[in-house]
Amino acid sequence: VDTMVTAPDESTLVVQIGVDFAPSLVYALLGSVVGSVVDS
């Protein structure tokens, strides 16, 4: 996960997936509770 989900700079989030899901399904997953952005 540390290599598939990265932040190359403060404004860019890069998410790589290992399956052929429709983008709308990926967005739905990132719009669920686990897509909450926490103050690290």
Full PDB file with SEQRES, HELIX, SHEET, SSBOND, CRYST1, ORIGX, SCALE, CONECT and MASTER records, all heavy atoms in Angstrom:
SEQRES   1 A   40  VAL ASP THR MET VAL THR ALA PRO ASP GLU SER THR LEU          
SEQRES   2 A   40  VAL VAL GLN ILE GLY VAL ASP PHE ALA PRO SER LEU VAL          
SEQRES   3 A   40  TYR ALA LEU LEU GLY SER VAL VAL GLY SER VAL VAL ASP          
SEQRES   4 A   40  SER                                                          
HELIX    1 AA1 PRO A   23  LEU A   30  1                                   8    
HELIX    2 AA2 VAL A   33  GLY A   35  5                                   3    
SHEET    1 AA1 2 VAL A   5  ASP A   9  0                                        
SHEET    2 AA1 2 THR A  12  VAL A  15 -1                                        
CRYST1    1.000    1.000    1.000  90.00  90.00  90.00 P 1           1          
ORIGX1      1.000000  0.000000  0.000000        0.00000                         
ORIGX2      0.000000  1.000000  0.000000        0.00000                         
ORIGX3      0.000000  0.000000  1.000000        0.00000                         
SCALE1      1.000000  0.000000  0.000000        0.00000                         
SCALE2      0.000000  1.000000  0.000000        0.00000                         
SCALE3      0.000000  0.000000  1.000000        0.00000                         
ATOM      1  N   VAL A   1       0.813  -1.215   0.000  1.00  0.00           N  
ATOM      2  CA  VAL A   1       0.000   0.000   0.000  1.00  0.00           C  
ATOM      3  C   VAL A   1       0.849   1.268   0.000  1.00  0.00           C  
ATOM      4  O   VAL A   1       0.458   2.291  -0.574  1.00  0.00           O  
ATOM      5  CB  VAL A   1      -0.998  -0.002   1.184  1.00  0.00           C  
ATOM      6  CG1 VAL A   1      -0.276   0.172   2.528  1.00  0.00           C  
ATOM      7  CG2 VAL A   1      -2.073   1.071   0.992  1.00  0.00           C  
ATOM      8  N   ASP A   2       2.027   1.236   0.614  1.00  0.00           N  
ATOM      9  CA  ASP A   2       2.865   2.440   0.640  1.00  0.00           C  
ATOM     10  C   ASP A   2       3.403   2.806  -0.739  1.00  0.00           C  
ATOM     11  O   ASP A   2       3.747   3.973  -0.983  1.00  0.00           O  
ATOM     12  CB  ASP A   2       4.029   2.262   1.613  1.00  0.00           C  
ATOM     13  CG  ASP A   2       3.583   2.360   3.064  1.00  0.00           C  
ATOM     14  OD1 ASP A   2       2.455   2.819   3.308  1.00  0.00           O  
ATOM     15  OD2 ASP A   2       4.364   1.975   3.960  1.00  0.00           O  
ATOM     16  N   THR A   3       3.467   1.838  -1.637  1.00  0.00           N  
ATOM     17  CA  THR A   3       3.934   2.129  -2.999  1.00  0.00           C  
ATOM     18  C   THR A   3       2.768   2.353  -3.953  1.00  0.00           C  
ATOM     19  O   THR A   3       2.924   3.017  -4.973  1.00  0.00           O  
ATOM     20  CB  THR A   3       4.811   0.986  -3.532  1.00  0.00           C  
ATOM     21  OG1 THR A   3       4.068  -0.249  -3.489  1.00  0.00           O  
ATOM     22  CG2 THR A   3       6.071   0.838  -2.692  1.00  0.00           C  
ATOM     23  N   MET A   4       1.590   1.821  -3.632  1.00  0.00           N  
ATOM     24  CA  MET A   4       0.425   1.985  -4.501  1.00  0.00           C  
ATOM     25  C   MET A   4      -0.368   3.251  -4.184  1.00  0.00           C  
ATOM     26  O   MET A   4      -1.128   3.741  -5.024  1.00  0.00           O  
ATOM     27  CB  MET A   4      -0.485   0.757  -4.425  1.00  0.00           C  
ATOM     28  CG  MET A   4       0.191  -0.518  -4.914  1.00  0.00           C  
ATOM     29  SD  MET A   4      -0.940  -1.916  -5.119  1.00  0.00           S  
ATOM     30  CE  MET A   4      -1.745  -1.490  -6.669  1.00  0.00           C  
ATOM     31  N   VAL A   5      -0.206   3.793  -2.987  1.00  0.00           N  
ATOM     32  CA  VAL A   5      -0.859   5.037  -2.595  1.00  0.00           C  
ATOM     33  C   VAL A   5       0.232   6.003  -2.153  1.00  0.00           C  
ATOM     34  O   VAL A   5       0.865   5.799  -1.108  1.00  0.00           O  
ATOM     35  CB  VAL A   5      -1.876   4.814  -1.460  1.00  0.00           C  
ATOM     36  CG1 VAL A   5      -2.555   6.131  -1.090  1.00  0.00           C  
ATOM     37  CG2 VAL A   5      -2.929   3.781  -1.859  1.00  0.00           C  
ATOM     38  N   THR A   6       0.467   7.043  -2.931  1.00  0.00           N  
ATOM     39  CA  THR A   6       1.581   7.942  -2.658  1.00  0.00           C  
ATOM     40  C   THR A   6       1.171   9.401  -2.809  1.00  0.00           C  
ATOM     41  O   THR A   6       0.142   9.719  -3.417  1.00  0.00           O  
ATOM     42  CB  THR A   6       2.760   7.659  -3.608  1.00  0.00           C  
ATOM     43  OG1 THR A   6       2.308   7.846  -4.969  1.00  0.00           O  
ATOM     44  CG2 THR A   6       3.281   6.233  -3.428  1.00  0.00           C  
ATOM     45  N   ALA A   7       2.010  10.284  -2.266  1.00  0.00           N  
ATOM     46  CA  ALA A   7       1.820  11.729  -2.401  1.00  0.00           C  
ATOM     47  C   ALA A   7       3.148  12.338  -2.848  1.00  0.00           C  
ATOM     48  O   ALA A   7       3.987  12.693  -2.023  1.00  0.00           O  
ATOM     49  CB  ALA A   7       1.363  12.336  -1.077  1.00  0.00           C  
ATOM     50  N   PRO A   8       3.376  12.447  -4.158  1.00  0.00           N  
ATOM     51  CA  PRO A   8       4.648  12.982  -4.644  1.00  0.00           C  
ATOM     52  C   PRO A   8       4.888  14.436  -4.244  1.00  0.00           C  
ATOM     53  O   PRO A   8       6.037  14.884  -4.198  1.00  0.00           O  
ATOM     54  CB  PRO A   8       4.541  12.832  -6.165  1.00  0.00           C  
ATOM     55  CG  PRO A   8       3.085  12.672  -6.451  1.00  0.00           C  
ATOM     56  CD  PRO A   8       2.510  11.994  -5.264  1.00  0.00           C  
ATOM     57  N   ASP A   9       3.811  15.178  -3.970  1.00  0.00           N  
ATOM     58  CA  ASP A   9       3.951  16.523  -3.418  1.00  0.00           C  
ATOM     59  C   ASP A   9       2.713  16.815  -2.577  1.00  0.00           C  
ATOM     60  O   ASP A   9       1.793  16.001  -2.497  1.00  0.00           O  
ATOM     61  CB  ASP A   9       4.157  17.575  -4.519  1.00  0.00           C  
ATOM     62  CG  ASP A   9       3.016  17.610  -5.534  1.00  0.00           C  
ATOM     63  OD1 ASP A   9       1.860  17.830  -5.120  1.00  0.00           O  
ATOM     64  OD2 ASP A   9       3.274  17.401  -6.734  1.00  0.00           O  
ATOM     65  N   GLU A  10       2.681  17.976  -1.944  1.00  0.00           N  
ATOM     66  CA  GLU A  10       1.619  18.271  -0.981  1.00  0.00           C  
ATOM     67  C   GLU A  10       0.240  18.386  -1.606  1.00  0.00           C  
ATOM     68  O   GLU A  10      -0.765  18.284  -0.901  1.00  0.00           O  
ATOM     69  CB  GLU A  10       1.950  19.564  -0.225  1.00  0.00           C  
ATOM     70  CG  GLU A  10       3.089  19.420   0.771  1.00  0.00           C  
ATOM     71  CD  GLU A  10       3.165  20.591   1.724  1.00  0.00           C  
ATOM     72  OE1 GLU A  10       2.446  21.602   1.491  1.00  0.00           O  
ATOM     73  OE2 GLU A  10       3.926  20.512   2.697  1.00  0.00           O  
ATOM     74  N   SER A  11       0.171  18.572  -2.915  1.00  0.00           N  
ATOM     75  CA  SER A  11      -1.136  18.760  -3.550  1.00  0.00           C  
ATOM     76  C   SER A  11      -1.549  17.605  -4.452  1.00  0.00           C  
ATOM     77  O   SER A  11      -2.647  17.624  -5.020  1.00  0.00           O  
ATOM     78  CB  SER A  11      -1.141  20.052  -4.372  1.00  0.00           C  
ATOM     79  OG  SER A  11      -0.216  19.963  -5.447  1.00  0.00           O  
ATOM     80  N   THR A  12      -0.692  16.580  -4.573  1.00  0.00           N  
ATOM     81  CA  THR A  12      -0.964  15.493  -5.511  1.00  0.00           C  
ATOM     82  C   THR A  12      -1.035  14.145  -4.806  1.00  0.00           C  
ATOM     83  O   THR A  12      -0.092  13.731  -4.133  1.00  0.00           O  
ATOM     84  CB  THR A  12       0.120  15.426  -6.602  1.00  0.00           C  
ATOM     85  OG1 THR A  12       0.252  16.705  -7.219  1.00  0.00           O  
ATOM     86  CG2 THR A  12      -0.238  14.393  -7.665  1.00  0.00           C  
ATOM     87  N   LEU A  13      -2.165  13.473  -4.956  1.00  0.00           N  
ATOM     88  CA  LEU A  13      -2.371  12.124  -4.423  1.00  0.00           C  
ATOM     89  C   LEU A  13      -2.460  11.155  -5.592  1.00  0.00           C  
ATOM     90  O   LEU A  13      -3.292  11.339  -6.492  1.00  0.00           O  
ATOM     91  CB  LEU A  13      -3.664  12.073  -3.600  1.00  0.00           C  
ATOM     92  CG  LEU A  13      -4.165  10.685  -3.177  1.00  0.00           C  
ATOM     93  CD1 LEU A  13      -3.224  10.060  -2.144  1.00  0.00           C  
ATOM     94  CD2 LEU A  13      -5.590  10.761  -2.628  1.00  0.00           C  
ATOM     95  N   VAL A  14      -1.607  10.148  -5.600  1.00  0.00           N  
ATOM     96  CA  VAL A  14      -1.611   9.157  -6.671  1.00  0.00           C  
ATOM     97  C   VAL A  14      -2.068   7.817  -6.103  1.00  0.00           C  
ATOM     98  O   VAL A  14      -1.458   7.283  -5.171  1.00  0.00           O  
ATOM     99  CB  VAL A  14      -0.220   9.012  -7.319  1.00  0.00           C  
ATOM    100  CG1 VAL A  14      -0.262   7.943  -8.418  1.00  0.00           C  
ATOM    101  CG2 VAL A  14       0.241  10.349  -7.894  1.00  0.00           C  
ATOM    102  N   VAL A  15      -3.151   7.299  -6.657  1.00  0.00           N  
ATOM    103  CA  VAL A  15      -3.738   6.041  -6.211  1.00  0.00           C  
ATOM    104  C   VAL A  15      -3.647   5.036  -7.348  1.00  0.00           C  
ATOM    105  O   VAL A  15      -4.208   5.263  -8.429  1.00  0.00           O  
ATOM    106  CB  VAL A  15      -5.210   6.251  -5.789  1.00  0.00           C  
ATOM    107  CG1 VAL A  15      -5.896   4.906  -5.553  1.00  0.00           C  
ATOM    108  CG2 VAL A  15      -5.300   7.118  -4.545  1.00  0.00           C  
ATOM    109  N   GLN A  16      -2.942   3.947  -7.131  1.00  0.00           N  
ATOM    110  CA  GLN A  16      -2.866   2.864  -8.112  1.00  0.00           C  
ATOM    111  C   GLN A  16      -3.672   1.679  -7.598  1.00  0.00           C  
ATOM    112  O   GLN A  16      -3.648   1.372  -6.405  1.00  0.00           O  
ATOM    113  CB  GLN A  16      -1.420   2.431  -8.334  1.00  0.00           C  
ATOM    114  CG  GLN A  16      -0.516   3.522  -8.873  1.00  0.00           C  
ATOM    115  CD  GLN A  16       0.905   3.041  -9.058  1.00  0.00           C  
ATOM    116  OE1 GLN A  16       1.173   2.143  -9.856  1.00  0.00           O  
ATOM    117  NE2 GLN A  16       1.828   3.633  -8.306  1.00  0.00           N  
ATOM    118  N   ILE A  17      -4.382   1.014  -8.506  1.00  0.00           N  
ATOM    119  CA  ILE A  17      -5.161  -0.161  -8.117  1.00  0.00           C  
ATOM    120  C   ILE A  17      -4.667  -1.368  -8.907  1.00  0.00           C  
ATOM    121  O   ILE A  17      -4.108  -1.230  -9.997  1.00  0.00           O  
ATOM    122  CB  ILE A  17      -6.671   0.061  -8.335  1.00  0.00           C  
ATOM    123  CG1 ILE A  17      -6.999   0.278  -9.819  1.00  0.00           C  
ATOM    124  CG2 ILE A  17      -7.161   1.235  -7.491  1.00  0.00           C  
ATOM    125  CD1 ILE A  17      -8.493   0.359 -10.116  1.00  0.00           C  
ATOM    126  N   GLY A  18      -4.908  -2.539  -8.340  1.00  0.00           N  
ATOM    127  CA  GLY A  18      -4.442  -3.765  -8.964  1.00  0.00           C  
ATOM    128  C   GLY A  18      -5.531  -4.567  -9.633  1.00  0.00           C  
ATOM    129  O   GLY A  18      -5.348  -5.747  -9.931  1.00  0.00           O  
ATOM    130  N   VAL A  19      -6.680  -3.932  -9.885  1.00  0.00           N  
ATOM    131  CA  VAL A  19      -7.816  -4.599 -10.507  1.00  0.00           C  
ATOM    132  C   VAL A  19      -8.384  -3.687 -11.587  1.00  0.00           C  
ATOM    133  O   VAL A  19      -8.091  -2.485 -11.631  1.00  0.00           O  
ATOM    134  CB  VAL A  19      -8.919  -4.935  -9.478  1.00  0.00           C  
ATOM    135  CG1 VAL A  19      -8.452  -6.006  -8.503  1.00  0.00           C  
ATOM    136  CG2 VAL A  19      -9.336  -3.678  -8.704  1.00  0.00           C  
ATOM    137  N   ASP A  20      -9.207  -4.249 -12.461  1.00  0.00           N  
ATOM    138  CA  ASP A  20      -9.804  -3.475 -13.552  1.00  0.00           C  
ATOM    139  C   ASP A  20     -11.212  -3.013 -13.188  1.00  0.00           C  
ATOM    140  O   ASP A  20     -12.199  -3.388 -13.821  1.00  0.00           O  
ATOM    141  CB  ASP A  20      -9.829  -4.307 -14.838  1.00  0.00           C  
ATOM    142  CG  ASP A  20      -8.438  -4.588 -15.377  1.00  0.00           C  
ATOM    143  OD1 ASP A  20      -7.599  -3.672 -15.326  1.00  0.00           O  
ATOM    144  OD2 ASP A  20      -8.189  -5.723 -15.814  1.00  0.00           O  
ATOM    145  N   PHE A  21     -11.305  -2.177 -12.147  1.00  0.00           N  
ATOM    146  CA  PHE A  21     -12.598  -1.660 -11.732  1.00  0.00           C  
ATOM    147  C   PHE A  21     -12.927  -0.385 -12.507  1.00  0.00           C  
ATOM    148  O   PHE A  21     -12.035   0.396 -12.862  1.00  0.00           O  
ATOM    149  CB  PHE A  21     -12.602  -1.340 -10.240  1.00  0.00           C  
ATOM    150  CG  PHE A  21     -12.885  -2.517  -9.349  1.00  0.00           C  
ATOM    151  CD1 PHE A  21     -13.111  -3.785  -9.867  1.00  0.00           C  
ATOM    152  CD2 PHE A  21     -12.935  -2.357  -7.971  1.00  0.00           C  
ATOM    153  CE1 PHE A  21     -13.378  -4.866  -9.046  1.00  0.00           C  
ATOM    154  CE2 PHE A  21     -13.202  -3.436  -7.137  1.00  0.00           C  
ATOM    155  CZ  PHE A  21     -13.423  -4.692  -7.673  1.00  0.00           C  
ATOM    156  N   ALA A  22     -14.219  -0.170 -12.741  1.00  0.00           N  
ATOM    157  CA  ALA A  22     -14.671   1.080 -13.344  1.00  0.00           C  
ATOM    158  C   ALA A  22     -14.286   2.244 -12.436  1.00  0.00           C  
ATOM    159  O   ALA A  22     -14.349   2.136 -11.208  1.00  0.00           O  
ATOM    160  CB  ALA A  22     -16.184   1.057 -13.535  1.00  0.00           C  
ATOM    161  N   PRO A  23     -13.885   3.368 -13.010  1.00  0.00           N  
ATOM    162  CA  PRO A  23     -13.551   4.524 -12.168  1.00  0.00           C  
ATOM    163  C   PRO A  23     -14.665   4.902 -11.198  1.00  0.00           C  
ATOM    164  O   PRO A  23     -14.390   5.262 -10.049  1.00  0.00           O  
ATOM    165  CB  PRO A  23     -13.297   5.629 -13.205  1.00  0.00           C  
ATOM    166  CG  PRO A  23     -12.799   4.901 -14.405  1.00  0.00           C  
ATOM    167  CD  PRO A  23     -13.603   3.621 -14.436  1.00  0.00           C  
ATOM    168  N   SER A  24     -15.917   4.818 -11.648  1.00  0.00           N  
ATOM    169  CA  SER A  24     -17.026   5.198 -10.764  1.00  0.00           C  
ATOM    170  C   SER A  24     -17.083   4.314  -9.527  1.00  0.00           C  
ATOM    171  O   SER A  24     -17.466   4.778  -8.439  1.00  0.00           O  
ATOM    172  CB  SER A  24     -18.353   5.149 -11.508  1.00  0.00           C  
ATOM    173  OG  SER A  24     -18.572   3.872 -12.094  1.00  0.00           O  
ATOM    174  N   LEU A  25     -16.699   3.042  -9.644  1.00  0.00           N  
ATOM    175  CA  LEU A  25     -16.675   2.154  -8.493  1.00  0.00           C  
ATOM    176  C   LEU A  25     -15.531   2.536  -7.554  1.00  0.00           C  
ATOM    177  O   LEU A  25     -15.695   2.547  -6.330  1.00  0.00           O  
ATOM    178  CB  LEU A  25     -16.537   0.697  -8.947  1.00  0.00           C  
ATOM    179  CG  LEU A  25     -16.394  -0.367  -7.864  1.00  0.00           C  
ATOM    180  CD1 LEU A  25     -17.501  -0.251  -6.816  1.00  0.00           C  
ATOM    181  CD2 LEU A  25     -16.389  -1.759  -8.486  1.00  0.00           C  
ATOM    182  N   VAL A  26     -14.376   2.874  -8.119  1.00  0.00           N  
ATOM    183  CA  VAL A  26     -13.249   3.322  -7.292  1.00  0.00           C  
ATOM    184  C   VAL A  26     -13.625   4.592  -6.544  1.00  0.00           C  
ATOM    185  O   VAL A  26     -13.346   4.737  -5.340  1.00  0.00           O  
ATOM    186  CB  VAL A  26     -11.998   3.548  -8.160  1.00  0.00           C  
ATOM    187  CG1 VAL A  26     -10.836   4.089  -7.312  1.00  0.00           C  
ATOM    188  CG2 VAL A  26     -11.585   2.258  -8.857  1.00  0.00           C  
ATOM    189  N   TYR A  27     -14.293   5.521  -7.222  1.00  0.00           N  
ATOM    190  CA  TYR A  27     -14.720   6.753  -6.561  1.00  0.00           C  
ATOM    191  C   TYR A  27     -15.688   6.461  -5.414  1.00  0.00           C  
ATOM    192  O   TYR A  27     -15.619   7.092  -4.352  1.00  0.00           O  
ATOM    193  CB  TYR A  27     -15.395   7.687  -7.566  1.00  0.00           C  
ATOM    194  CG  TYR A  27     -14.520   8.136  -8.710  1.00  0.00           C  
ATOM    195  CD1 TYR A  27     -15.077   8.444  -9.951  1.00  0.00           C  
ATOM    196  CD2 TYR A  27     -13.135   8.232  -8.569  1.00  0.00           C  
ATOM    197  CE1 TYR A  27     -14.283   8.855 -11.010  1.00  0.00           C  
ATOM    198  CE2 TYR A  27     -12.332   8.635  -9.633  1.00  0.00           C  
ATOM    199  CZ  TYR A  27     -12.910   8.932 -10.849  1.00  0.00           C  
ATOM    200  OH  TYR A  27     -12.129   9.332 -11.905  1.00  0.00           O  
ATOM    201  N   ALA A  28     -16.588   5.501  -5.628  1.00  0.00           N  
ATOM    202  CA  ALA A  28     -17.542   5.158  -4.573  1.00  0.00           C  
ATOM    203  C   ALA A  28     -16.823   4.628  -3.342  1.00  0.00           C  
ATOM    204  O   ALA A  28     -17.187   4.953  -2.202  1.00  0.00           O  
ATOM    205  CB  ALA A  28     -18.539   4.124  -5.087  1.00  0.00           C  
ATOM    206  N   LEU A  29     -15.802   3.808  -3.550  1.00  0.00           N  
ATOM    207  CA  LEU A  29     -15.039   3.275  -2.420  1.00  0.00           C  
ATOM    208  C   LEU A  29     -14.306   4.386  -1.685  1.00  0.00           C  
ATOM    209  O   LEU A  29     -14.253   4.405  -0.449  1.00  0.00           O  
ATOM    210  CB  LEU A  29     -14.064   2.207  -2.907  1.00  0.00           C  
ATOM    211  CG  LEU A  29     -14.722   0.931  -3.446  1.00  0.00           C  
ATOM    212  CD1 LEU A  29     -13.701   0.061  -4.169  1.00  0.00           C  
ATOM    213  CD2 LEU A  29     -15.389   0.148  -2.319  1.00  0.00           C  
ATOM    214  N   LEU A  30     -13.746   5.331  -2.425  1.00  0.00           N  
ATOM    215  CA  LEU A  30     -13.037   6.457  -1.803  1.00  0.00           C  
ATOM    216  C   LEU A  30     -14.010   7.476  -1.225  1.00  0.00           C  
ATOM    217  O   LEU A  30     -13.600   8.380  -0.496  1.00  0.00           O  
ATOM    218  CB  LEU A  30     -12.118   7.125  -2.825  1.00  0.00           C  
ATOM    219  CG  LEU A  30     -10.987   6.250  -3.366  1.00  0.00           C  
ATOM    220  CD1 LEU A  30     -10.153   7.018  -4.375  1.00  0.00           C  
ATOM    221  CD2 LEU A  30     -10.095   5.726  -2.234  1.00  0.00           C  
ATOM    222  N   GLY A  31     -15.291   7.335  -1.533  1.00  0.00           N  
ATOM    223  CA  GLY A  31     -16.316   8.185  -0.954  1.00  0.00           C  
ATOM    224  C   GLY A  31     -17.006   7.552   0.237  1.00  0.00           C  
ATOM    225  O   GLY A  31     -17.917   8.138   0.823  1.00  0.00           O  
ATOM    226  N   SER A  32     -16.573   6.350   0.611  1.00  0.00           N  
ATOM    227  CA  SER A  32     -17.116   5.689   1.807  1.00  0.00           C  
ATOM    228  C   SER A  32     -16.353   6.165   3.034  1.00  0.00           C  
ATOM    229  O   SER A  32     -15.431   6.986   2.955  1.00  0.00           O  
ATOM    230  CB  SER A  32     -17.006   4.170   1.664  1.00  0.00           C  
ATOM    231  OG  SER A  32     -15.648   3.757   1.717  1.00  0.00           O  
ATOM    232  N   VAL A  33     -16.705   5.650   4.192  1.00  0.00           N  
ATOM    233  CA  VAL A  33     -16.117   6.134   5.446  1.00  0.00           C  
ATOM    234  C   VAL A  33     -14.599   6.006   5.455  1.00  0.00           C  
ATOM    235  O   VAL A  33     -13.895   6.838   6.041  1.00  0.00           O  
ATOM    236  CB  VAL A  33     -16.760   5.414   6.648  1.00  0.00           C  
ATOM    237  CG1 VAL A  33     -16.427   3.919   6.643  1.00  0.00           C  
ATOM    238  CG2 VAL A  33     -16.344   6.049   7.969  1.00  0.00           C  
ATOM    239  N   VAL A  34     -14.055   4.983   4.785  1.00  0.00           N  
ATOM    240  CA  VAL A  34     -12.604   4.790   4.788  1.00  0.00           C  
ATOM    241  C   VAL A  34     -11.888   5.795   3.901  1.00  0.00           C  
ATOM    242  O   VAL A  34     -10.650   5.852   3.905  1.00  0.00           O  
ATOM    243  CB  VAL A  34     -12.229   3.354   4.369  1.00  0.00           C  
ATOM    244  CG1 VAL A  34     -12.646   2.357   5.431  1.00  0.00           C  
ATOM    245  CG2 VAL A  34     -12.870   3.002   3.024  1.00  0.00           C  
ATOM    246  N   GLY A  35     -12.630   6.601   3.146  1.00  0.00           N  
ATOM    247  CA  GLY A  35     -12.036   7.670   2.366  1.00  0.00           C  
ATOM    248  C   GLY A  35     -11.907   8.966   3.146  1.00  0.00           C  
ATOM    249  O   GLY A  35     -11.506   9.993   2.584  1.00  0.00           O  
ATOM    250  N   SER A  36     -12.214   8.943   4.441  1.00  0.00           N  
ATOM    251  CA  SER A  36     -12.084  10.130   5.293  1.00  0.00           C  
ATOM    252  C   SER A  36     -10.620  10.536   5.413  1.00  0.00           C  
ATOM    253  O   SER A  36      -9.747   9.693   5.616  1.00  0.00           O  
ATOM    254  CB  SER A  36     -12.650   9.847   6.682  1.00  0.00           C  
ATOM    255  OG  SER A  36     -14.011   9.470   6.629  1.00  0.00           O  
ATOM    256  N   VAL A  37     -10.357  11.835   5.296  1.00  0.00           N  
ATOM    257  CA  VAL A  37      -8.982  12.341   5.385  1.00  0.00           C  
ATOM    258  C   VAL A  37      -8.697  12.749   6.827  1.00  0.00           C  
ATOM    259  O   VAL A  37      -9.350  13.637   7.377  1.00  0.00           O  
ATOM    260  CB  VAL A  37      -8.763  13.524   4.430  1.00  0.00           C  
ATOM    261  CG1 VAL A  37      -7.314  14.026   4.536  1.00  0.00           C  
ATOM    262  CG2 VAL A  37      -9.075  13.108   2.996  1.00  0.00           C  
ATOM    263  N   VAL A  38      -7.716  12.077   7.416  1.00  0.00           N  
ATOM    264  CA  VAL A  38      -7.359  12.268   8.827  1.00  0.00           C  
ATOM    265  C   VAL A  38      -6.140  13.176   8.926  1.00  0.00           C  
ATOM    266  O   VAL A  38      -5.204  13.087   8.117  1.00  0.00           O  
ATOM    267  CB  VAL A  38      -7.064  10.911   9.495  1.00  0.00           C  
ATOM    268  CG1 VAL A  38      -6.673  11.090  10.969  1.00  0.00           C  
ATOM    269  CG2 VAL A  38      -8.276   9.986   9.373  1.00  0.00           C  
ATOM    270  N   ASP A  39      -6.132  14.046   9.915  1.00  0.00           N  
ATOM    271  CA  ASP A  39      -4.997  14.918  10.229  1.00  0.00           C  
ATOM    272  C   ASP A  39      -3.860  14.044  10.752  1.00  0.00           C  
ATOM    273  O   ASP A  39      -3.839  13.661  11.924  1.00  0.00           O  
ATOM    274  CB  ASP A  39      -5.448  15.937  11.274  1.00  0.00           C  
ATOM    275  CG  ASP A  39      -4.402  16.988  11.611  1.00  0.00           C  
ATOM    276  OD1 ASP A  39      -3.203  16.727  11.394  1.00  0.00           O  
ATOM    277  OD2 ASP A  39      -4.786  18.049  12.122  1.00  0.00           O  
ATOM    278  N   SER A  40      -2.928  13.683   9.876  1.00  0.00           N  
ATOM    279  CA  SER A  40      -1.885  12.722  10.259  1.00  0.00           C  
ATOM    280  C   SER A  40      -1.002  13.256  11.372  1.00  0.00           C  
ATOM    281  O   SER A  40      -0.598  12.505  12.270  1.00  0.00           O  
ATOM    282  CB  SER A  40      -1.039  12.353   9.038  1.00  0.00           C  
ATOM    283  OG  SER A  40      -0.398  13.492   8.493  1.00  0.00           O  
TER     284      SER A  40                                                      
MASTER        0    0    0    2    2    0    0    6  283    1    0    4          
END                                                                             
